[in-house]
Amino acid sequence: MQQWYQNLTKAQKILLYTASVVLCFAGGIGFVPLVFLLYLNFGAPKYKK
């Protein structure tokens, strides 16, 4: 999953975060993906190839 996240372009990451935030306001179902994306961005260790 970390590999997938690292291969995303900046535009794709912005789209994922925007969709998660919009879903948070539209019933709270975007909270889980948002937390997961934040973990991949800030919490997961960065491995070099």
PDB file of N, CA and C in Angstrom:
ATOM      1  N   MET A   1       0.827  -1.183   0.000  1.00  0.00           N
ATOM      2  CA  MET A   1       0.000   0.000   0.000  1.00  0.00           C
ATOM      3  C   MET A   1       0.879   1.257   0.000  1.00  0.00           C
ATOM      4  N   GLN A   2       1.975   1.200   0.737  1.00  0.00           N
ATOM      5  CA  GLN A   2       2.906   2.332   0.771  1.00  0.00           C
ATOM      6  C   GLN A   2       3.473   2.590  -0.624  1.00  0.00           C
ATOM      7  N   GLN A   3       3.783   1.525  -1.352  1.00  0.00           N
ATOM      8  CA  GLN A   3       4.307   1.648  -2.721  1.00  0.00           C
ATOM      9  C   GLN A   3       3.278   2.354  -3.618  1.00  0.00           C
ATOM     10  N   TRP A   4       2.021   1.960  -3.490  1.00  0.00           N
ATOM     11  CA  TRP A   4       0.953   2.575  -4.275  1.00  0.00           C
ATOM     12  C   TRP A   4       0.862   4.071  -3.983  1.00  0.00           C
ATOM     13  N   TYR A   5       0.920   4.421  -2.699  1.00  0.00           N
ATOM     14  CA  TYR A   5       0.795   5.823  -2.318  1.00  0.00           C
ATOM     15  C   TYR A   5       1.965   6.643  -2.842  1.00  0.00           C
ATOM     16  N   GLN A   6       3.153   6.089  -2.797  1.00  0.00           N
ATOM     17  CA  GLN A   6       4.333   6.813  -3.265  1.00  0.00           C
ATOM     18  C   GLN A   6       4.304   7.020  -4.772  1.00  0.00           C
ATOM     19  N   ASN A   7       3.637   6.138  -5.511  1.00  0.00           N
ATOM     20  CA  ASN A   7       3.572   6.254  -6.961  1.00  0.00           C
ATOM     21  C   ASN A   7       2.494   7.219  -7.448  1.00  0.00           C
ATOM     22  N   LEU A   8       1.668   7.738  -6.559  1.00  0.00           N
ATOM     23  CA  LEU A   8       0.635   8.699  -6.954  1.00  0.00           C
ATOM     24  C   LEU A   8       1.265  10.046  -7.282  1.00  0.00           C
ATOM     25  N   THR A   9       0.702  10.710  -8.259  1.00  0.00           N
ATOM     26  CA  THR A   9       1.161  12.066  -8.572  1.00  0.00           C
ATOM     27  C   THR A   9       0.551  13.044  -7.567  1.00  0.00           C
ATOM     28  N   LYS A  10       1.051  14.262  -7.576  1.00  0.00           N
ATOM     29  CA  LYS A  10       0.545  15.274  -6.652  1.00  0.00           C
ATOM     30  C   LYS A  10      -0.935  15.553  -6.904  1.00  0.00           C
ATOM     31  N   ALA A  11      -1.336  15.591  -8.170  1.00  0.00           N
ATOM     32  CA  ALA A  11      -2.738  15.847  -8.510  1.00  0.00           C
ATOM     33  C   ALA A  11      -3.639  14.718  -8.015  1.00  0.00           C
ATOM     34  N   GLN A  12      -3.177  13.487  -8.113  1.00  0.00           N
ATOM     35  CA  GLN A  12      -3.973  12.354  -7.640  1.00  0.00           C
ATOM     36  C   GLN A  12      -4.122  12.390  -6.117  1.00  0.00           C
ATOM     37  N   LYS A  13      -3.065  12.781  -5.418  1.00  0.00           N
ATOM     38  CA  LYS A  13      -3.143  12.888  -3.962  1.00  0.00           C
ATOM     39  C   LYS A  13      -4.117  13.980  -3.550  1.00  0.00           C
ATOM     40  N   ILE A  14      -4.076  15.117  -4.247  1.00  0.00           N
ATOM     41  CA  ILE A  14      -5.006  16.207  -3.948  1.00  0.00           C
ATOM     42  C   ILE A  14      -6.441  15.746  -4.169  1.00  0.00           C
ATOM     43  N   LEU A  15      -6.678  15.018  -5.243  1.00  0.00           N
ATOM     44  CA  LEU A  15      -8.018  14.500  -5.517  1.00  0.00           C
ATOM     45  C   LEU A  15      -8.478  13.545  -4.418  1.00  0.00           C
ATOM     46  N   LEU A  16      -7.611  12.660  -3.961  1.00  0.00           N
ATOM     47  CA  LEU A  16      -7.975  11.717  -2.895  1.00  0.00           C
ATOM     48  C   LEU A  16      -8.322  12.454  -1.601  1.00  0.00           C
ATOM     49  N   TYR A  17      -7.487  13.423  -1.216  1.00  0.00           N
ATOM     50  CA  TYR A  17      -7.756  14.171   0.010  1.00  0.00           C
ATOM     51  C   TYR A  17      -9.042  14.988  -0.108  1.00  0.00           C
ATOM     52  N   THR A  18      -9.253  15.609  -1.258  1.00  0.00           N
ATOM     53  CA  THR A  18     -10.468  16.400  -1.461  1.00  0.00           C
ATOM     54  C   THR A  18     -11.712  15.526  -1.387  1.00  0.00           C
ATOM     55  N   ALA A  19     -11.673  14.376  -2.041  1.00  0.00           N
ATOM     56  CA  ALA A  19     -12.825  13.468  -2.004  1.00  0.00           C
ATOM     57  C   ALA A  19     -13.091  12.991  -0.580  1.00  0.00           C
ATOM     58  N   SER A  20     -12.047  12.695   0.181  1.00  0.00           N
ATOM     59  CA  SER A  20     -12.233  12.239   1.562  1.00  0.00           C
ATOM     60  C   SER A  20     -12.839  13.329   2.437  1.00  0.00           C
ATOM     61  N   VAL A  21     -12.369  14.559   2.267  1.00  0.00           N
ATOM     62  CA  VAL A  21     -12.903  15.663   3.068  1.00  0.00           C
ATOM     63  C   VAL A  21     -14.366  15.918   2.713  1.00  0.00           C
ATOM     64  N   VAL A  22     -14.691  15.897   1.419  1.00  0.00           N
ATOM     65  CA  VAL A  22     -16.081  16.094   1.001  1.00  0.00           C
ATOM     66  C   VAL A  22     -16.968  14.996   1.573  1.00  0.00           C
ATOM     67  N   LEU A  23     -16.490  13.754   1.553  1.00  0.00           N
ATOM     68  CA  LEU A  23     -17.273  12.649   2.111  1.00  0.00           C
ATOM     69  C   LEU A  23     -17.423  12.768   3.629  1.00  0.00           C
ATOM     70  N   CYS A  24     -16.451  13.373   4.293  1.00  0.00           N
ATOM     71  CA  CYS A  24     -16.578  13.616   5.742  1.00  0.00           C
ATOM     72  C   CYS A  24     -17.759  14.539   6.023  1.00  0.00           C
ATOM     73  N   PHE A  25     -17.906  15.560   5.210  1.00  0.00           N
ATOM     74  CA  PHE A  25     -19.004  16.500   5.405  1.00  0.00           C
ATOM     75  C   PHE A  25     -20.332  15.938   4.922  1.00  0.00           C
ATOM     76  N   ALA A  26     -20.287  14.920   4.085  1.00  0.00           N
ATOM     77  CA  ALA A  26     -21.517  14.346   3.524  1.00  0.00           C
ATOM     78  C   ALA A  26     -21.916  13.072   4.258  1.00  0.00           C
ATOM     79  N   GLY A  27     -21.702  13.010   5.523  1.00  0.00           N
ATOM     80  CA  GLY A  27     -22.177  11.869   6.277  1.00  0.00           C
ATOM     81  C   GLY A  27     -21.113  11.168   7.103  1.00  0.00           C
ATOM     82  N   GLY A  28     -19.889  11.614   7.030  1.00  0.00           N
ATOM     83  CA  GLY A  28     -18.853  11.040   7.870  1.00  0.00           C
ATOM     84  C   GLY A  28     -18.181   9.796   7.323  1.00  0.00           C
ATOM     85  N   ILE A  29     -18.563   9.338   6.137  1.00  0.00           N
ATOM     86  CA  ILE A  29     -17.968   8.101   5.629  1.00  0.00           C
ATOM     87  C   ILE A  29     -16.570   8.312   5.066  1.00  0.00           C
ATOM     88  N   GLY A  30     -16.169   9.564   4.876  1.00  0.00           N
ATOM     89  CA  GLY A  30     -14.831   9.842   4.367  1.00  0.00           C
ATOM     90  C   GLY A  30     -13.785   9.932   5.457  1.00  0.00           C
ATOM     91  N   PHE A  31     -14.203   9.805   6.705  1.00  0.00           N
ATOM     92  CA  PHE A  31     -13.253   9.940   7.811  1.00  0.00           C
ATOM     93  C   PHE A  31     -12.223   8.814   7.816  1.00  0.00           C
ATOM     94  N   VAL A  32     -12.651   7.590   7.574  1.00  0.00           N
ATOM     95  CA  VAL A  32     -11.733   6.448   7.592  1.00  0.00           C
ATOM     96  C   VAL A  32     -10.697   6.549   6.471  1.00  0.00           C
ATOM     97  N   PRO A  33     -11.105   6.811   5.217  1.00  0.00           N
ATOM     98  CA  PRO A  33     -10.071   6.961   4.183  1.00  0.00           C
ATOM     99  C   PRO A  33      -9.144   8.151   4.434  1.00  0.00           C
ATOM    100  N   LEU A  34      -9.681   9.230   5.005  1.00  0.00           N
ATOM    101  CA  LEU A  34      -8.857  10.398   5.292  1.00  0.00           C
ATOM    102  C   LEU A  34      -7.792  10.058   6.326  1.00  0.00           C
ATOM    103  N   VAL A  35      -8.167   9.364   7.376  1.00  0.00           N
ATOM    104  CA  VAL A  35      -7.202   8.964   8.393  1.00  0.00           C
ATOM    105  C   VAL A  35      -6.147   8.031   7.790  1.00  0.00           C
ATOM    106  N   PHE A  36      -6.577   7.125   6.947  1.00  0.00           N
ATOM    107  CA  PHE A  36      -5.656   6.196   6.299  1.00  0.00           C
ATOM    108  C   PHE A  36      -4.673   6.941   5.396  1.00  0.00           C
ATOM    109  N   LEU A  37      -5.170   7.908   4.624  1.00  0.00           N
ATOM    110  CA  LEU A  37      -4.290   8.694   3.760  1.00  0.00           C
ATOM    111  C   LEU A  37      -3.304   9.524   4.571  1.00  0.00           C
ATOM    112  N   LEU A  38      -3.762  10.097   5.666  1.00  0.00           N
ATOM    113  CA  LEU A  38      -2.867  10.865   6.526  1.00  0.00           C
ATOM    114  C   LEU A  38      -1.795   9.979   7.141  1.00  0.00           C
ATOM    115  N   TYR A  39      -2.163   8.748   7.506  1.00  0.00           N
ATOM    116  CA  TYR A  39      -1.166   7.811   8.031  1.00  0.00           C
ATOM    117  C   TYR A  39      -0.115   7.493   6.972  1.00  0.00           C
ATOM    118  N   LEU A  40      -0.557   7.247   5.746  1.00  0.00           N
ATOM    119  CA  LEU A  40       0.397   6.940   4.679  1.00  0.00           C
ATOM    120  C   LEU A  40       1.314   8.129   4.392  1.00  0.00           C
ATOM    121  N   ASN A  41       0.794   9.334   4.546  1.00  0.00           N
ATOM    122  CA  ASN A  41       1.588  10.514   4.252  1.00  0.00           C
ATOM    123  C   ASN A  41       2.538  10.873   5.392  1.00  0.00           C
ATOM    124  N   PHE A  42       2.066  10.844   6.638  1.00  0.00           N
ATOM    125  CA  PHE A  42       2.866  11.328   7.750  1.00  0.00           C
ATOM    126  C   PHE A  42       3.351  10.241   8.713  1.00  0.00           C
ATOM    127  N   GLY A  43       2.593   9.170   8.879  1.00  0.00           N
ATOM    128  CA  GLY A  43       2.909   8.206   9.908  1.00  0.00           C
ATOM    129  C   GLY A  43       3.768   7.040   9.461  1.00  0.00           C
ATOM    130  N   ALA A  44       3.661   6.660   8.205  1.00  0.00           N
ATOM    131  CA  ALA A  44       4.401   5.510   7.728  1.00  0.00           C
ATOM    132  C   ALA A  44       5.854   5.888   7.457  1.00  0.00           C
ATOM    133  N   PRO A  45       6.779   5.002   7.810  1.00  0.00           N
ATOM    134  CA  PRO A  45       8.184   5.296   7.525  1.00  0.00           C
ATOM    135  C   PRO A  45       8.428   5.323   6.022  1.00  0.00           C
ATOM    136  N   LYS A  46       9.291   6.189   5.593  1.00  0.00           N
ATOM    137  CA  LYS A  46       9.634   6.302   4.179  1.00  0.00           C
ATOM    138  C   LYS A  46      10.824   5.386   3.883  1.00  0.00           C
ATOM    139  N   TYR A  47      10.596   4.421   3.031  1.00  0.00           N
ATOM    140  CA  TYR A  47      11.654   3.499   2.651  1.00  0.00           C
ATOM    141  C   TYR A  47      12.258   3.927   1.323  1.00  0.00           C
ATOM    142  N   LYS A  48      13.556   3.909   1.261  1.00  0.00           N
ATOM    143  CA  LYS A  48      14.233   4.206   0.003  1.00  0.00           C
ATOM    144  C   LYS A  48      14.409   2.938  -0.787  1.00  0.00           C
ATOM    145  N   LYS A  49      14.335   3.075  -2.114  1.00  0.00           N
ATOM    146  CA  LYS A  49      14.468   1.904  -2.987  1.00  0.00           C
ATOM    147  C   LYS A  49      15.909   1.477  -3.118  1.00  0.00           C
TER     148      LYS A  49
END
